[in-house]
Each structure stands twice: as C-alpha cells, then as structure tokens.
C-alpha cells in the first residue's frame, strides 16, 4: 500500500536577514530628495525610500508614499511631477494608474515614485517584496 503523507497548511517559519545599514538622505540623488519633499508637502503618509542600487539594474531608488483618498493620491502625484519638471527639468518616462488613483507609478528612470491609496499599499506591500533593499534615512519633520 502507498503511504499517505499529511500536508499542513501551516507555513514553516524562516528567518529573514534585513540589512541594518541605511542610506543617508544627503547621499541620495537630488531628484529623489525633491520627490520625497513634494510628497511630504502634500501630506503624504508613511513615506519610505528604498535604495535598490545594490540589488537591481532597472532603477536605483523607489519612493513609496500613501494618500488618504484618491484625490490626495492624485494631488501628491501632480506635485511630484510638476516640481521635478519645474525645479530640475526631470520628466517622467511613464505614468501608470493616475486615472484610477489607487496606485500611481511615476518612472523617472533612475528612480520610481509609487503613490498608493492606503488599502492598495497594504495589498501590494512593496516594502515586503523588497526587504533586501536598504532604506533611506528620511529626516524627521519633512
């Protein structure tokens, strides 16, 4: 007779090493710093910047921010795009999701700005997907 193996729905726990070192805010690109400041100026919450330079080749940084509602998500995205264009002459290569405004992605080449509505951010959880990325130290009071 064949042996029957029991399968469990319980996950095996794994220990994940998270990089303890952080990238200082002053050492990141001017465009990334400006995008973070613009998001903060429009009252974005939970602003996180991830340094991807050591782990990927398609971009160097992710800026991730949340808006309280769809209108605020669009306002944050508008401010980032307008100020980067006006102050640094940077234009986004691509913008995705602006009309629905649950997750707006703005690709500036060297960095990508993600602006989420709260529920969409929790669902996609980019910080978990990119756990091995170094976090950027964002100064208090931005």
N, C-alpha and C. Protein backbone atom coordinates (compact mmCIF):
# COMPACT_ATOMS: atom_id res chain seq x y z
N UNK A 1 0.82 -1.19 0.00
CA UNK A 1 0.00 0.00 0.00
C UNK A 1 0.87 1.26 0.00
N UNK A 2 0.32 2.26 -0.59
CA UNK A 2 1.03 3.52 -0.61
C UNK A 2 0.90 4.23 0.71
N UNK A 3 1.97 4.90 1.08
CA UNK A 3 1.91 5.71 2.30
C UNK A 3 1.25 7.03 1.97
N UNK A 4 0.48 7.50 2.88
CA UNK A 4 -0.19 8.78 2.71
C UNK A 4 0.56 9.82 3.53
N UNK A 5 0.96 10.89 2.85
CA UNK A 5 1.64 11.97 3.57
C UNK A 5 0.63 13.03 3.96
N UNK A 6 0.76 13.50 5.17
CA UNK A 6 -0.10 14.58 5.63
C UNK A 6 0.50 15.90 5.19
N UNK A 7 -0.34 16.77 4.74
CA UNK A 7 0.10 18.10 4.36
C UNK A 7 -0.48 19.09 5.35
N UNK A 8 0.30 20.05 5.68
CA UNK A 8 -0.13 21.05 6.64
C UNK A 8 -0.30 22.39 5.95
N UNK A 9 -1.25 23.14 6.42
CA UNK A 9 -1.45 24.48 5.90
C UNK A 9 -0.60 25.51 6.63
N UNK A 10 0.10 25.06 7.64
CA UNK A 10 0.94 25.97 8.40
C UNK A 10 2.24 26.22 7.65
N UNK A 11 2.63 27.47 7.61
CA UNK A 11 3.88 27.82 6.94
C UNK A 11 5.05 27.52 7.86
N UNK A 12 6.12 27.11 7.26
CA UNK A 12 7.34 26.97 8.03
C UNK A 12 7.91 28.37 8.20
N UNK A 13 8.37 28.67 9.37
CA UNK A 13 8.91 29.99 9.59
C UNK A 13 10.33 30.05 9.08
N UNK A 14 10.67 31.15 8.52
CA UNK A 14 12.02 31.38 8.02
C UNK A 14 12.52 32.69 8.58
N UNK A 15 13.77 32.71 8.89
CA UNK A 15 14.37 33.94 9.40
C UNK A 15 14.92 34.73 8.22
N UNK A 16 14.54 35.97 8.14
CA UNK A 16 14.98 36.83 7.05
C UNK A 16 15.90 37.89 7.62
N UNK A 17 17.08 37.96 7.06
CA UNK A 17 18.04 38.98 7.47
C UNK A 17 17.73 40.27 6.73
N UNK A 18 17.49 41.33 7.46
CA UNK A 18 17.21 42.62 6.85
C UNK A 18 18.44 43.50 7.04
N UNK A 19 18.84 44.14 5.96
CA UNK A 19 20.03 44.99 6.03
C UNK A 19 19.85 46.06 7.09
N UNK A 20 20.80 46.11 8.02
CA UNK A 20 20.72 47.06 9.12
C UNK A 20 21.24 48.44 8.69
N UNK A 21 22.08 48.48 7.68
CA UNK A 21 22.62 49.75 7.26
C UNK A 21 21.57 50.53 6.49
N UNK A 22 21.63 51.83 6.64
CA UNK A 22 20.69 52.71 5.95
C UNK A 22 21.47 53.69 5.10
N UNK A 23 20.84 54.14 4.05
CA UNK A 23 21.45 55.14 3.19
C UNK A 23 21.10 56.52 3.71
N UNK A 24 22.10 57.36 3.99
CA UNK A 24 21.81 58.72 4.47
C UNK A 24 21.07 59.55 3.42
N UNK A 25 20.15 60.36 3.87
CA UNK A 25 19.32 61.20 2.99
C UNK A 25 20.19 62.10 2.12
N UNK A 26 21.27 62.65 2.67
CA UNK A 26 22.13 63.56 1.93
C UNK A 26 22.89 62.88 0.80
N UNK A 27 22.97 61.56 0.80
CA UNK A 27 23.73 60.84 -0.21
C UNK A 27 22.88 60.34 -1.37
N UNK A 28 21.59 60.63 -1.37
CA UNK A 28 20.75 60.18 -2.48
C UNK A 28 20.63 61.29 -3.52
N UNK A 29 20.16 60.92 -4.70
CA UNK A 29 20.02 61.87 -5.81
C UNK A 29 19.11 63.03 -5.44
N UNK A 30 19.41 64.17 -6.03
CA UNK A 30 18.61 65.37 -5.77
C UNK A 30 17.15 65.18 -6.16
N UNK A 31 16.90 64.48 -7.25
CA UNK A 31 15.53 64.23 -7.69
C UNK A 31 14.75 63.40 -6.69
N UNK A 32 15.39 62.40 -6.10
CA UNK A 32 14.73 61.56 -5.10
C UNK A 32 14.42 62.39 -3.86
N UNK A 33 15.37 63.22 -3.43
CA UNK A 33 15.12 64.09 -2.27
C UNK A 33 13.95 65.03 -2.53
N UNK A 34 13.90 65.61 -3.73
CA UNK A 34 12.82 66.53 -4.06
C UNK A 34 11.48 65.79 -4.11
N UNK A 35 11.45 64.60 -4.67
CA UNK A 35 10.20 63.82 -4.72
C UNK A 35 9.68 63.53 -3.32
N UNK A 36 10.58 63.20 -2.41
CA UNK A 36 10.19 62.94 -1.02
C UNK A 36 9.63 64.21 -0.37
N UNK A 37 10.30 65.33 -0.60
CA UNK A 37 9.83 66.60 -0.02
C UNK A 37 8.46 66.99 -0.59
N UNK A 38 8.28 66.80 -1.88
CA UNK A 38 6.99 67.13 -2.51
C UNK A 38 5.86 66.28 -1.93
N UNK A 39 6.12 65.00 -1.77
CA UNK A 39 5.11 64.12 -1.18
C UNK A 39 4.78 64.57 0.24
N UNK A 40 5.81 64.92 1.00
CA UNK A 40 5.59 65.39 2.37
C UNK A 40 4.81 66.70 2.38
N UNK A 41 5.10 67.59 1.43
CA UNK A 41 4.38 68.86 1.36
C UNK A 41 2.89 68.67 1.10
N UNK A 42 2.53 67.62 0.41
CA UNK A 42 1.12 67.32 0.14
C UNK A 42 0.52 66.37 1.18
N UNK A 43 1.20 66.27 2.31
CA UNK A 43 0.71 65.48 3.47
C UNK A 43 0.62 63.99 3.20
N UNK A 44 1.51 63.46 2.36
CA UNK A 44 1.58 62.01 2.18
C UNK A 44 1.99 61.38 3.50
N UNK A 45 1.55 60.17 3.73
CA UNK A 45 1.90 59.46 4.96
C UNK A 45 2.79 58.27 4.64
N UNK A 46 3.45 57.77 5.66
CA UNK A 46 4.29 56.56 5.54
C UNK A 46 5.25 56.64 4.35
N UNK A 47 5.97 57.74 4.24
CA UNK A 47 6.91 57.89 3.13
C UNK A 47 8.15 57.03 3.41
N UNK A 48 8.48 56.20 2.43
CA UNK A 48 9.63 55.30 2.53
C UNK A 48 10.42 55.43 1.23
N UNK A 49 11.73 55.44 1.34
CA UNK A 49 12.58 55.39 0.16
C UNK A 49 13.48 54.17 0.28
N UNK A 50 13.56 53.39 -0.78
CA UNK A 50 14.37 52.19 -0.81
C UNK A 50 15.53 52.37 -1.78
N UNK A 51 16.73 52.04 -1.33
CA UNK A 51 17.93 52.10 -2.14
C UNK A 51 18.12 50.75 -2.81
N UNK A 52 17.90 50.70 -4.11
CA UNK A 52 17.95 49.44 -4.86
C UNK A 52 19.24 49.28 -5.66
N UNK A 53 20.19 50.17 -5.49
CA UNK A 53 21.38 50.17 -6.33
C UNK A 53 22.18 48.87 -6.27
N UNK A 54 22.19 48.22 -5.12
CA UNK A 54 22.98 47.00 -4.98
C UNK A 54 22.23 45.74 -5.40
N UNK A 55 20.93 45.85 -5.67
CA UNK A 55 20.17 44.62 -5.93
C UNK A 55 19.43 44.58 -7.26
N UNK A 56 19.40 45.69 -7.99
CA UNK A 56 18.70 45.68 -9.27
C UNK A 56 19.37 46.63 -10.25
N UNK A 57 19.11 46.42 -11.51
CA UNK A 57 19.72 47.28 -12.53
C UNK A 57 18.70 48.18 -13.25
N UNK A 58 17.41 47.97 -13.03
CA UNK A 58 16.42 48.75 -13.78
C UNK A 58 16.14 50.12 -13.18
N UNK A 59 16.47 50.32 -11.92
CA UNK A 59 16.32 51.63 -11.28
C UNK A 59 17.18 51.66 -10.03
N UNK A 60 17.38 52.85 -9.47
CA UNK A 60 18.22 52.97 -8.29
C UNK A 60 17.44 53.13 -6.99
N UNK A 61 16.29 53.80 -7.06
CA UNK A 61 15.52 54.07 -5.85
C UNK A 61 14.03 53.89 -6.12
N UNK A 62 13.31 53.50 -5.07
CA UNK A 62 11.86 53.56 -5.03
C UNK A 62 11.51 54.59 -3.97
N UNK A 63 10.56 55.46 -4.26
CA UNK A 63 9.94 56.31 -3.25
C UNK A 63 8.51 55.80 -3.15
N UNK A 64 8.10 55.47 -1.93
CA UNK A 64 6.76 54.93 -1.70
C UNK A 64 6.05 55.84 -0.70
N UNK A 65 4.84 56.27 -1.05
CA UNK A 65 4.08 57.15 -0.17
C UNK A 65 2.60 56.78 -0.26
N UNK A 66 1.85 57.20 0.75
CA UNK A 66 0.41 56.92 0.78
C UNK A 66 -0.39 58.21 0.87
N UNK A 67 -1.57 58.16 0.24
CA UNK A 67 -2.54 59.23 0.36
C UNK A 67 -3.78 58.69 1.03
N UNK A 68 -4.52 59.56 1.69
CA UNK A 68 -5.70 59.14 2.45
C UNK A 68 -6.87 58.75 1.55
N UNK A 69 -6.91 59.33 0.36
CA UNK A 69 -8.01 59.04 -0.57
C UNK A 69 -7.51 59.24 -2.00
N UNK A 70 -8.37 58.96 -2.97
CA UNK A 70 -7.94 59.01 -4.37
C UNK A 70 -7.54 60.42 -4.81
N UNK A 71 -8.26 61.42 -4.34
CA UNK A 71 -7.91 62.81 -4.68
C UNK A 71 -6.54 63.19 -4.15
N UNK A 72 -6.23 62.77 -2.93
CA UNK A 72 -4.93 63.10 -2.37
C UNK A 72 -3.82 62.35 -3.10
N UNK A 73 -4.06 61.12 -3.49
CA UNK A 73 -3.07 60.37 -4.28
C UNK A 73 -2.74 61.13 -5.55
N UNK A 74 -3.76 61.62 -6.24
CA UNK A 74 -3.52 62.39 -7.47
C UNK A 74 -2.80 63.70 -7.17
N UNK A 75 -3.17 64.36 -6.07
CA UNK A 75 -2.52 65.63 -5.71
C UNK A 75 -1.03 65.42 -5.42
N UNK A 76 -0.70 64.35 -4.74
CA UNK A 76 0.71 64.03 -4.44
C UNK A 76 1.45 63.76 -5.75
N UNK A 77 0.86 62.95 -6.62
CA UNK A 77 1.49 62.64 -7.90
C UNK A 77 1.69 63.90 -8.74
N UNK A 78 0.67 64.77 -8.77
CA UNK A 78 0.78 66.02 -9.52
C UNK A 78 1.92 66.88 -8.99
N UNK A 79 2.01 67.02 -7.68
CA UNK A 79 3.05 67.86 -7.08
C UNK A 79 4.44 67.32 -7.40
N UNK A 80 4.62 66.02 -7.29
CA UNK A 80 5.92 65.42 -7.58
C UNK A 80 6.29 65.69 -9.04
N UNK A 81 5.39 65.41 -9.96
CA UNK A 81 5.68 65.60 -11.39
C UNK A 81 5.96 67.06 -11.72
N UNK A 82 5.13 67.97 -11.20
CA UNK A 82 5.30 69.39 -11.52
C UNK A 82 6.60 69.95 -10.97
N UNK A 83 6.91 69.64 -9.72
CA UNK A 83 8.12 70.19 -9.11
C UNK A 83 9.40 69.61 -9.69
N UNK A 84 9.41 68.32 -10.01
CA UNK A 84 10.60 67.73 -10.63
C UNK A 84 10.84 68.34 -12.00
N UNK A 85 9.76 68.61 -12.74
CA UNK A 85 9.90 69.24 -14.05
C UNK A 85 10.36 70.68 -13.91
N UNK A 86 9.71 71.43 -13.01
CA UNK A 86 10.00 72.85 -12.84
C UNK A 86 11.39 73.10 -12.25
N UNK A 87 11.73 72.39 -11.19
CA UNK A 87 12.97 72.68 -10.48
C UNK A 87 14.20 71.99 -11.06
N UNK A 88 14.02 70.77 -11.60
CA UNK A 88 15.18 70.01 -12.07
C UNK A 88 15.12 69.65 -13.55
N UNK A 89 14.02 70.00 -14.21
CA UNK A 89 13.89 69.66 -15.62
C UNK A 89 13.70 68.18 -15.87
N UNK A 90 13.26 67.43 -14.85
CA UNK A 90 13.05 65.99 -14.98
C UNK A 90 11.60 65.71 -15.38
N UNK A 91 11.44 64.88 -16.38
CA UNK A 91 10.12 64.44 -16.81
C UNK A 91 10.01 62.94 -16.59
N UNK A 92 8.84 62.51 -16.23
CA UNK A 92 8.65 61.07 -16.04
C UNK A 92 8.61 60.38 -17.40
N UNK A 93 9.28 59.23 -17.46
CA UNK A 93 9.27 58.43 -18.69
C UNK A 93 7.91 57.78 -18.90
N UNK A 94 7.24 57.51 -17.78
CA UNK A 94 5.96 56.81 -17.86
C UNK A 94 5.17 57.07 -16.57
N UNK A 95 3.88 57.21 -16.70
CA UNK A 95 2.99 57.33 -15.54
C UNK A 95 1.88 56.29 -15.72
N UNK A 96 1.66 55.50 -14.70
CA UNK A 96 0.63 54.46 -14.74
C UNK A 96 -0.33 54.65 -13.58
N UNK A 97 -1.59 54.38 -13.79
CA UNK A 97 -2.59 54.34 -12.72
C UNK A 97 -3.15 55.66 -12.25
N UNK A 98 -2.85 56.75 -12.96
CA UNK A 98 -3.29 58.06 -12.47
C UNK A 98 -4.82 58.18 -12.44
N UNK A 99 -5.51 57.69 -13.46
CA UNK A 99 -6.97 57.86 -13.53
C UNK A 99 -7.67 57.12 -12.39
N UNK A 100 -7.25 55.90 -12.11
CA UNK A 100 -7.87 55.13 -11.02
C UNK A 100 -7.38 55.61 -9.66
N UNK A 101 -6.14 56.06 -9.59
CA UNK A 101 -5.53 56.67 -8.40
C UNK A 101 -5.48 55.76 -7.17
N UNK A 102 -5.50 54.46 -7.37
CA UNK A 102 -5.25 53.56 -6.24
C UNK A 102 -3.76 53.35 -6.06
N UNK A 103 -3.05 53.31 -7.20
CA UNK A 103 -1.60 53.17 -7.19
C UNK A 103 -1.08 53.91 -8.40
N UNK A 104 -0.44 55.04 -8.18
CA UNK A 104 0.15 55.81 -9.27
C UNK A 104 1.65 55.52 -9.27
N UNK A 105 2.15 55.10 -10.42
CA UNK A 105 3.56 54.81 -10.59
C UNK A 105 4.13 55.83 -11.56
N UNK A 106 5.18 56.52 -11.13
CA UNK A 106 5.85 57.50 -12.00
C UNK A 106 7.30 57.08 -12.15
N UNK A 107 7.70 56.77 -13.37
CA UNK A 107 9.04 56.28 -13.65
C UNK A 107 9.91 57.43 -14.16
N UNK A 108 10.91 57.78 -13.37
CA UNK A 108 11.84 58.84 -13.75
C UNK A 108 13.19 58.27 -14.18
N UNK A 109 13.23 56.99 -14.47
CA UNK A 109 14.46 56.35 -14.91
C UNK A 109 15.30 55.88 -13.73
N UNK A 110 16.05 56.80 -13.14
CA UNK A 110 16.92 56.46 -12.00
C UNK A 110 16.13 56.18 -10.74
N UNK A 111 14.89 56.63 -10.70
CA UNK A 111 14.05 56.35 -9.54
C UNK A 111 12.59 56.26 -9.97
N UNK A 112 11.82 55.53 -9.17
CA UNK A 112 10.40 55.34 -9.43
C UNK A 112 9.63 55.78 -8.19
N UNK A 113 8.61 56.58 -8.40
CA UNK A 113 7.77 57.05 -7.30
C UNK A 113 6.45 56.29 -7.36
N UNK A 114 6.10 55.68 -6.23
CA UNK A 114 4.83 54.96 -6.09
C UNK A 114 3.97 55.72 -5.08
N UNK A 115 2.79 56.11 -5.48
CA UNK A 115 1.86 56.77 -4.55
C UNK A 115 0.62 55.88 -4.47
N UNK A 116 0.35 55.41 -3.27
CA UNK A 116 -0.73 54.45 -3.05
C UNK A 116 -1.88 55.05 -2.25
N UNK A 117 -3.06 54.57 -2.51
CA UNK A 117 -4.18 54.71 -1.58
C UNK A 117 -3.92 53.66 -0.51
N UNK A 118 -4.31 53.93 0.71
CA UNK A 118 -3.95 53.09 1.87
C UNK A 118 -4.20 51.60 1.66
N UNK A 119 -5.39 51.22 1.22
CA UNK A 119 -5.72 49.79 1.06
C UNK A 119 -4.87 49.13 -0.03
N UNK A 120 -4.60 49.85 -1.11
CA UNK A 120 -3.77 49.29 -2.18
C UNK A 120 -2.34 49.08 -1.69
N UNK A 121 -1.85 50.00 -0.88
CA UNK A 121 -0.48 49.84 -0.35
C UNK A 121 -0.38 48.61 0.52
N UNK A 122 -1.36 48.40 1.36
CA UNK A 122 -1.36 47.21 2.22
C UNK A 122 -1.44 45.94 1.38
N UNK A 123 -2.23 45.97 0.33
CA UNK A 123 -2.41 44.78 -0.51
C UNK A 123 -1.12 44.43 -1.26
N UNK A 124 -0.48 45.40 -1.90
CA UNK A 124 0.70 45.13 -2.71
C UNK A 124 1.98 45.02 -1.87
N UNK A 125 2.06 45.73 -0.76
CA UNK A 125 3.14 45.60 0.22
C UNK A 125 4.53 45.55 -0.42
N UNK A 126 4.88 46.61 -1.15
CA UNK A 126 6.18 46.66 -1.83
C UNK A 126 7.35 46.56 -0.87
N UNK A 127 7.20 47.10 0.32
CA UNK A 127 8.31 47.02 1.28
C UNK A 127 8.66 45.58 1.62
N UNK A 128 7.65 44.72 1.69
CA UNK A 128 7.92 43.31 1.97
C UNK A 128 8.58 42.65 0.76
N UNK A 129 8.12 43.00 -0.44
CA UNK A 129 8.70 42.42 -1.65
C UNK A 129 10.16 42.82 -1.84
N UNK A 130 10.52 43.98 -1.34
CA UNK A 130 11.89 44.49 -1.49
C UNK A 130 12.59 44.57 -0.13
N UNK A 131 12.40 43.57 0.69
CA UNK A 131 13.00 43.54 2.03
C UNK A 131 14.52 43.64 2.02
N UNK A 132 15.15 43.15 0.98
CA UNK A 132 16.60 43.16 0.94
C UNK A 132 17.18 44.51 0.50
N UNK A 133 16.33 45.48 0.19
CA UNK A 133 16.79 46.82 -0.17
C UNK A 133 17.12 47.61 1.08
N UNK A 134 18.12 48.45 0.96
CA UNK A 134 18.46 49.35 2.07
C UNK A 134 17.44 50.48 2.12
N UNK A 135 17.05 50.87 3.30
CA UNK A 135 16.14 52.00 3.46
C UNK A 135 16.94 53.30 3.52
N UNK A 136 16.32 54.34 3.05
CA UNK A 136 16.93 55.67 3.12
C UNK A 136 16.46 56.33 4.40
N UNK A 137 17.38 56.96 5.11
CA UNK A 137 17.01 57.70 6.32
C UNK A 137 16.32 58.99 5.93
N UNK A 138 15.05 59.07 6.19
CA UNK A 138 14.30 60.29 5.87
C UNK A 138 14.24 61.14 7.12
N UNK A 139 14.70 62.39 7.04
CA UNK A 139 14.72 63.24 8.24
C UNK A 139 13.32 63.46 8.83
N UNK A 140 13.28 63.54 10.14
CA UNK A 140 12.03 63.86 10.83
C UNK A 140 11.60 65.27 10.44
N UNK A 141 10.31 65.50 10.39
CA UNK A 141 9.80 66.84 10.13
C UNK A 141 9.69 67.21 8.66
N UNK A 142 9.87 66.25 7.79
CA UNK A 142 9.67 66.56 6.36
C UNK A 142 8.21 66.62 6.03
